[in-house]
Amino acid sequence: MSEIFLKSSNLSLGYSNQIVIKGLDIQLSFINDYQIIGKNGAGKTTLMNFIALNFDGSYFESKVNRSQISINQISSTSTLIQELTLSENIDYYTSETSLASEEKLNIVFKYLPEDYLNEKIKSFSSGMLRRAELSIIEIKSPLVFCIDEPLNFLDSEGVLLLANLIKDRSIANKCNILSSQEFVDFEGLEFEVINLNEY
């Protein structure tokens, strides 16, 4: 399998009559890590959604070569099911993984105390939601992991958990793509930068 999972030339994306990204050449490899940076309105989330197959705009123009690989995204809005417990969400979102239940729980408990397992997601704080989502990413272990504004809602311990997750995935040749206004410096990690301020 080629290391390149997405290649696009002269990519343009937009909504209604507004083109957000115009003329972007992009080539992504699953053995590299990336940071998409740009000011508000530069198209960071739009590009991230396009990479993660979640683009919902009305304008698209490009030549795209894309491999069929596993991609998971954590965006600014949580996708966890509010009326279900943490345990039920874990079961729902990781049902297709090969890990045993005990292995899954061991991962979850790295991110959240065991006491939260039977709590409904609607009672979680934003930080707890983000930690729960990170635990699901670690369990599912997709080839590509996309995360918008990676430091949002995380305390210093949560940031360390995220950094360790990215580092472990990078060692395993699994791609991590971060999106934020400014470059996020994780010690010991190297990223290729996609600077949307230039477009």
C-alpha atoms as a PDB file:
ATOM      1  CA  MET A   1       0.000   0.000   0.000  1.00  0.00           C
ATOM      2  CA  SER A   2       1.244   3.471  -0.876  1.00  0.00           C
ATOM      3  CA  GLU A   3       2.202   5.741   2.002  1.00  0.00           C
ATOM      4  CA  ILE A   4       0.164   8.520   0.359  1.00  0.00           C
ATOM      5  CA  PHE A   5      -3.495   8.324   1.356  1.00  0.00           C
ATOM      6  CA  LEU A   6      -4.701  11.669  -0.020  1.00  0.00           C
ATOM      7  CA  LYS A   7      -3.436  13.751  -2.917  1.00  0.00           C
ATOM      8  CA  SER A   8      -5.230  16.706  -4.409  1.00  0.00           C
ATOM      9  CA  SER A   9      -4.181  19.431  -6.809  1.00  0.00           C
ATOM     10  CA  ASN A  10      -5.715  22.888  -7.046  1.00  0.00           C
ATOM     11  CA  LEU A  11      -8.249  22.071  -4.326  1.00  0.00           C
ATOM     12  CA  SER A  12     -11.088  24.551  -3.845  1.00  0.00           C
ATOM     13  CA  LEU A  13     -13.822  24.202  -1.200  1.00  0.00           C
ATOM     14  CA  GLY A  14     -16.664  26.469  -0.179  1.00  0.00           C
ATOM     15  CA  TYR A  15     -20.183  27.063   1.044  1.00  0.00           C
ATOM     16  CA  SER A  16     -22.944  28.674  -1.050  1.00  0.00           C
ATOM     17  CA  ASN A  17     -21.259  31.576  -2.868  1.00  0.00           C
ATOM     18  CA  GLN A  18     -18.214  31.758  -0.580  1.00  0.00           C
ATOM     19  CA  ILE A  19     -15.041  29.887  -1.535  1.00  0.00           C
ATOM     20  CA  VAL A  20     -13.082  29.194   1.652  1.00  0.00           C
ATOM     21  CA  ILE A  21     -10.085  27.346   0.190  1.00  0.00           C
ATOM     22  CA  LYS A  22      -8.817  28.014  -3.318  1.00  0.00           C
ATOM     23  CA  GLY A  23      -5.957  26.482  -5.291  1.00  0.00           C
ATOM     24  CA  LEU A  24      -4.470  24.294  -2.543  1.00  0.00           C
ATOM     25  CA  ASP A  25      -2.105  21.470  -3.502  1.00  0.00           C
ATOM     26  CA  ILE A  26      -1.971  18.833  -0.780  1.00  0.00           C
ATOM     27  CA  GLN A  27      -0.378  15.423  -0.356  1.00  0.00           C
ATOM     28  CA  LEU A  28      -0.754  13.468   2.888  1.00  0.00           C
ATOM     29  CA  SER A  29       1.124  10.357   4.007  1.00  0.00           C
ATOM     30  CA  PHE A  30       0.045   8.096   6.844  1.00  0.00           C
ATOM     31  CA  ILE A  31       3.637   7.898   8.124  1.00  0.00           C
ATOM     32  CA  ASN A  32       3.790  11.675   8.740  1.00  0.00           C
ATOM     33  CA  ASP A  33       2.048  14.023  11.181  1.00  0.00           C
ATOM     34  CA  TYR A  34       0.576  17.364  10.163  1.00  0.00           C
ATOM     35  CA  GLN A  35      -0.638  20.636  11.619  1.00  0.00           C
ATOM     36  CA  ILE A  36      -3.108  22.783   9.708  1.00  0.00           C
ATOM     37  CA  ILE A  37      -2.732  26.358  10.916  1.00  0.00           C
ATOM     38  CA  GLY A  38      -4.565  29.537   9.972  1.00  0.00           C
ATOM     39  CA  LYS A  39      -6.434  32.524  11.299  1.00  0.00           C
ATOM     40  CA  ASN A  40     -10.201  32.497  11.825  1.00  0.00           C
ATOM     41  CA  GLY A  41     -11.985  31.919   8.522  1.00  0.00           C
ATOM     42  CA  ALA A  42      -8.902  30.560   6.757  1.00  0.00           C
ATOM     43  CA  GLY A  43     -10.589  27.200   6.175  1.00  0.00           C
ATOM     44  CA  LYS A  44      -8.940  24.978   8.803  1.00  0.00           C
ATOM     45  CA  THR A  45     -12.120  23.164   9.787  1.00  0.00           C
ATOM     46  CA  THR A  46     -13.264  22.983   6.167  1.00  0.00           C
ATOM     47  CA  LEU A  47     -10.012  21.294   5.132  1.00  0.00           C
ATOM     48  CA  MET A  48     -10.075  18.996   8.163  1.00  0.00           C
ATOM     49  CA  ASN A  49     -13.635  17.924   7.360  1.00  0.00           C
ATOM     50  CA  PHE A  50     -12.624  17.283   3.753  1.00  0.00           C
ATOM     51  CA  ILE A  51      -9.721  15.079   4.848  1.00  0.00           C
ATOM     52  CA  ALA A  52     -11.949  13.208   7.321  1.00  0.00           C
ATOM     53  CA  LEU A  53     -14.732  12.676   4.745  1.00  0.00           C
ATOM     54  CA  ASN A  54     -17.065  15.003   6.650  1.00  0.00           C
ATOM     55  CA  PHE A  55     -17.128  17.961   4.243  1.00  0.00           C
ATOM     56  CA  ASP A  56     -20.680  19.321   4.016  1.00  0.00           C
ATOM     57  CA  GLY A  57     -20.121  22.383   1.852  1.00  0.00           C
ATOM     58  CA  SER A  58     -21.763  23.151  -1.457  1.00  0.00           C
ATOM     59  CA  TYR A  59     -18.690  23.916  -3.566  1.00  0.00           C
ATOM     60  CA  PHE A  60     -15.979  21.436  -4.450  1.00  0.00           C
ATOM     61  CA  GLU A  61     -13.498  21.483  -7.301  1.00  0.00           C
ATOM     62  CA  SER A  62     -10.325  19.426  -7.563  1.00  0.00           C
ATOM     63  CA  LYS A  63      -8.633  16.313  -8.780  1.00  0.00           C
ATOM     64  CA  VAL A  64      -8.488  13.951  -5.802  1.00  0.00           C
ATOM     65  CA  ASN A  65      -6.772  10.610  -5.296  1.00  0.00           C
ATOM     66  CA  ARG A  66      -7.813   9.036  -2.021  1.00  0.00           C
ATOM     67  CA  SER A  67      -7.113   5.633  -0.475  1.00  0.00           C
ATOM     68  CA  GLN A  68      -9.807   3.713   1.365  1.00  0.00           C
ATOM     69  CA  ILE A  69      -8.400   3.803   4.899  1.00  0.00           C
ATOM     70  CA  SER A  70      -9.742   4.291   8.427  1.00  0.00           C
ATOM     71  CA  ILE A  71     -10.094   7.955   9.437  1.00  0.00           C
ATOM     72  CA  ASN A  72     -11.588   9.256  12.700  1.00  0.00           C
ATOM     73  CA  GLN A  73     -12.112  12.873  13.701  1.00  0.00           C
ATOM     74  CA  ILE A  74     -12.607  14.805  16.926  1.00  0.00           C
ATOM     75  CA  SER A  75     -14.222  18.134  16.087  1.00  0.00           C
ATOM     76  CA  SER A  76     -15.322  21.117  18.146  1.00  0.00           C
ATOM     77  CA  THR A  77     -18.725  19.496  18.685  1.00  0.00           C
ATOM     78  CA  SER A  78     -18.791  16.148  20.459  1.00  0.00           C
ATOM     79  CA  THR A  79     -20.424  13.239  18.635  1.00  0.00           C
ATOM     80  CA  LEU A  80     -20.916  11.139  21.776  1.00  0.00           C
ATOM     81  CA  ILE A  81     -24.527  10.164  22.470  1.00  0.00           C
ATOM     82  CA  GLN A  82     -25.776  12.326  25.327  1.00  0.00           C
ATOM     83  CA  GLU A  83     -28.414   9.974  26.720  1.00  0.00           C
ATOM     84  CA  LEU A  84     -26.064   6.987  26.889  1.00  0.00           C
ATOM     85  CA  THR A  85     -23.498   6.289  29.591  1.00  0.00           C
ATOM     86  CA  LEU A  86     -19.771   6.376  28.946  1.00  0.00           C
ATOM     87  CA  SER A  87     -19.742   2.568  28.940  1.00  0.00           C
ATOM     88  CA  GLU A  88     -22.572   2.432  26.409  1.00  0.00           C
ATOM     89  CA  ASN A  89     -20.822   4.978  24.173  1.00  0.00           C
ATOM     90  CA  ILE A  90     -17.621   2.952  24.312  1.00  0.00           C
ATOM     91  CA  ASP A  91     -19.538  -0.181  23.306  1.00  0.00           C
ATOM     92  CA  TYR A  92     -21.335   1.658  20.501  1.00  0.00           C
ATOM     93  CA  TYR A  93     -18.313   3.366  18.949  1.00  0.00           C
ATOM     94  CA  THR A  94     -15.822   0.519  19.325  1.00  0.00           C
ATOM     95  CA  SER A  95     -18.009  -2.499  18.550  1.00  0.00           C
ATOM     96  CA  GLU A  96     -16.020  -3.348  15.412  1.00  0.00           C
ATOM     97  CA  THR A  97     -12.613  -3.394  17.102  1.00  0.00           C
ATOM     98  CA  SER A  98     -10.909  -6.647  18.028  1.00  0.00           C
ATOM     99  CA  LEU A  99      -9.924  -5.629  21.563  1.00  0.00           C
ATOM    100  CA  ALA A 100     -11.472  -7.490  24.477  1.00  0.00           C
ATOM    101  CA  SER A 101     -13.708  -5.540  26.873  1.00  0.00           C
ATOM    102  CA  GLU A 102     -11.041  -5.574  29.583  1.00  0.00           C
ATOM    103  CA  GLU A 103      -8.461  -4.114  27.206  1.00  0.00           C
ATOM    104  CA  LYS A 104     -10.877  -1.371  26.207  1.00  0.00           C
ATOM    105  CA  LEU A 105     -11.573  -0.490  29.835  1.00  0.00           C
ATOM    106  CA  ASN A 106      -7.878  -0.349  30.643  1.00  0.00           C
ATOM    107  CA  ILE A 107      -7.515   2.278  27.922  1.00  0.00           C
ATOM    108  CA  VAL A 108     -10.567   4.244  29.087  1.00  0.00           C
ATOM    109  CA  PHE A 109      -9.272   4.355  32.664  1.00  0.00           C
ATOM    110  CA  LYS A 110      -6.094   6.060  31.479  1.00  0.00           C
ATOM    111  CA  TYR A 111      -8.286   9.018  30.500  1.00  0.00           C
ATOM    112  CA  LEU A 112     -11.143   8.976  33.020  1.00  0.00           C
ATOM    113  CA  PRO A 113     -11.706   7.535  36.511  1.00  0.00           C
ATOM    114  CA  GLU A 114     -13.666   4.300  36.737  1.00  0.00           C
ATOM    115  CA  ASP A 115     -16.434   6.159  38.611  1.00  0.00           C
ATOM    116  CA  TYR A 116     -17.543   7.808  35.352  1.00  0.00           C
ATOM    117  CA  LEU A 117     -18.180   4.568  33.488  1.00  0.00           C
ATOM    118  CA  ASN A 118     -21.907   4.447  34.274  1.00  0.00           C
ATOM    119  CA  GLU A 119     -22.490   8.215  34.144  1.00  0.00           C
ATOM    120  CA  LYS A 120     -24.538   9.599  31.264  1.00  0.00           C
ATOM    121  CA  ILE A 121     -22.539  11.662  28.806  1.00  0.00           C
ATOM    122  CA  LYS A 122     -24.902  14.627  29.231  1.00  0.00           C
ATOM    123  CA  SER A 123     -23.485  15.165  32.734  1.00  0.00           C
ATOM    124  CA  PHE A 124     -19.867  15.337  31.484  1.00  0.00           C
ATOM    125  CA  SER A 125     -17.890  18.569  31.389  1.00  0.00           C
ATOM    126  CA  SER A 126     -16.231  19.624  28.133  1.00  0.00           C
ATOM    127  CA  GLY A 127     -12.891  18.323  29.404  1.00  0.00           C
ATOM    128  CA  MET A 128     -14.363  14.947  30.326  1.00  0.00           C
ATOM    129  CA  LEU A 129     -16.014  14.701  26.911  1.00  0.00           C
ATOM    130  CA  ARG A 130     -12.713  15.373  25.181  1.00  0.00           C
ATOM    131  CA  ARG A 131     -10.948  12.739  27.293  1.00  0.00           C
ATOM    132  CA  ALA A 132     -13.688  10.201  26.511  1.00  0.00           C
ATOM    133  CA  GLU A 133     -13.302  10.909  22.794  1.00  0.00           C
ATOM    134  CA  LEU A 134      -9.527  10.459  23.022  1.00  0.00           C
ATOM    135  CA  SER A 135      -9.985   7.089  24.716  1.00  0.00           C
ATOM    136  CA  ILE A 136     -12.240   5.975  21.851  1.00  0.00           C
ATOM    137  CA  ILE A 137      -9.623   7.063  19.319  1.00  0.00           C
ATOM    138  CA  GLU A 138      -6.972   5.024  21.121  1.00  0.00           C
ATOM    139  CA  ILE A 139      -9.243   1.964  21.181  1.00  0.00           C
ATOM    140  CA  LYS A 140     -10.226   2.251  17.509  1.00  0.00           C
ATOM    141  CA  SER A 141      -6.654   3.096  16.432  1.00  0.00           C
ATOM    142  CA  PRO A 142      -7.523   4.462  12.975  1.00  0.00           C
ATOM    143  CA  LEU A 143      -4.789   4.897  10.405  1.00  0.00           C
ATOM    144  CA  VAL A 144      -5.554   8.639  10.373  1.00  0.00           C
ATOM    145  CA  PHE A 145      -6.670  10.727  13.368  1.00  0.00           C
ATOM    146  CA  CYS A 146      -7.886  14.312  12.869  1.00  0.00           C
ATOM    147  CA  ILE A 147      -8.470  16.717  15.763  1.00  0.00           C
ATOM    148  CA  ASP A 148      -9.669  20.331  15.654  1.00  0.00           C
ATOM    149  CA  GLU A 149      -8.204  22.753  18.221  1.00  0.00           C
ATOM    150  CA  PRO A 150      -6.388  19.935  20.063  1.00  0.00           C
ATOM    151  CA  LEU A 151      -5.782  21.825  23.313  1.00  0.00           C
ATOM    152  CA  ASN A 152      -9.402  22.909  23.795  1.00  0.00           C
ATOM    153  CA  PHE A 153     -10.969  21.720  27.077  1.00  0.00           C
ATOM    154  CA  LEU A 154      -7.844  19.881  28.231  1.00  0.00           C
ATOM    155  CA  ASP A 155      -5.958  20.612  31.447  1.00  0.00           C
ATOM    156  CA  SER A 156      -2.207  19.980  31.681  1.00  0.00           C
ATOM    157  CA  GLU A 157      -2.744  16.276  32.412  1.00  0.00           C
ATOM    158  CA  GLY A 158      -5.130  15.989  29.472  1.00  0.00           C
ATOM    159  CA  VAL A 159      -2.619  17.671  27.160  1.00  0.00           C
ATOM    160  CA  LEU A 160       0.002  15.130  28.268  1.00  0.00           C
ATOM    161  CA  LEU A 161      -2.426  12.271  27.536  1.00  0.00           C
ATOM    162  CA  LEU A 162      -3.037  13.701  24.064  1.00  0.00           C
ATOM    163  CA  ALA A 163       0.701  14.130  23.440  1.00  0.00           C
ATOM    164  CA  ASN A 164       1.366  10.532  24.480  1.00  0.00           C
ATOM    165  CA  LEU A 165      -1.438   9.270  22.238  1.00  0.00           C
ATOM    166  CA  ILE A 166      -0.031  11.164  19.256  1.00  0.00           C
ATOM    167  CA  LYS A 167       3.500   9.970  20.027  1.00  0.00           C
ATOM    168  CA  ASP A 168       2.443   6.310  20.312  1.00  0.00           C
ATOM    169  CA  ARG A 169       0.462   6.538  17.081  1.00  0.00           C
ATOM    170  CA  SER A 170       3.355   8.224  15.284  1.00  0.00           C
ATOM    171  CA  ILE A 171       5.733   5.451  16.363  1.00  0.00           C
ATOM    172  CA  ALA A 172       3.232   2.955  14.943  1.00  0.00           C
ATOM    173  CA  ASN A 173       3.227   4.844  11.599  1.00  0.00           C
ATOM    174  CA  LYS A 174      -0.284   6.177  12.067  1.00  0.00           C
ATOM    175  CA  CYS A 175      -1.018   9.710  10.927  1.00  0.00           C
ATOM    176  CA  ASN A 176      -2.144  12.538  13.207  1.00  0.00           C
ATOM    177  CA  ILE A 177      -3.562  15.774  11.808  1.00  0.00           C
ATOM    178  CA  LEU A 178      -4.071  18.759  14.109  1.00  0.00           C
ATOM    179  CA  SER A 179      -5.853  21.998  13.279  1.00  0.00           C
ATOM    180  CA  SER A 180      -5.415  25.254  15.208  1.00  0.00           C
ATOM    181  CA  GLN A 181      -4.787  28.979  14.797  1.00  0.00           C
ATOM    182  CA  GLU A 182      -1.139  28.677  15.778  1.00  0.00           C
ATOM    183  CA  PHE A 183       1.404  25.867  15.746  1.00  0.00           C
ATOM    184  CA  VAL A 184       1.153  23.610  18.811  1.00  0.00           C
ATOM    185  CA  ASP A 185       4.555  22.472  20.043  1.00  0.00           C
ATOM    186  CA  PHE A 186       4.532  18.965  21.469  1.00  0.00           C
ATOM    187  CA  GLU A 187       7.999  18.113  22.748  1.00  0.00           C
ATOM    188  CA  GLY A 188       9.624  15.311  20.789  1.00  0.00           C
ATOM    189  CA  LEU A 189       7.051  15.368  17.982  1.00  0.00           C
ATOM    190  CA  GLU A 190       7.617  16.664  14.456  1.00  0.00           C
ATOM    191  CA  PHE A 191       4.860  17.939  12.186  1.00  0.00           C
ATOM    192  CA  GLU A 192       4.632  19.081   8.601  1.00  0.00           C
ATOM    193  CA  VAL A 193       2.794  22.416   8.519  1.00  0.00           C
ATOM    194  CA  ILE A 194      -0.049  23.255   6.144  1.00  0.00           C
ATOM    195  CA  ASN A 195      -0.307  27.042   6.485  1.00  0.00           C
ATOM    196  CA  LEU A 196      -3.677  28.233   5.199  1.00  0.00           C
ATOM    197  CA  ASN A 197      -2.738  31.868   5.835  1.00  0.00           C
ATOM    198  CA  GLU A 198      -0.833  31.605   2.563  1.00  0.00           C
ATOM    199  CA  TYR A 199      -3.988  30.866   0.529  1.00  0.00           C
END
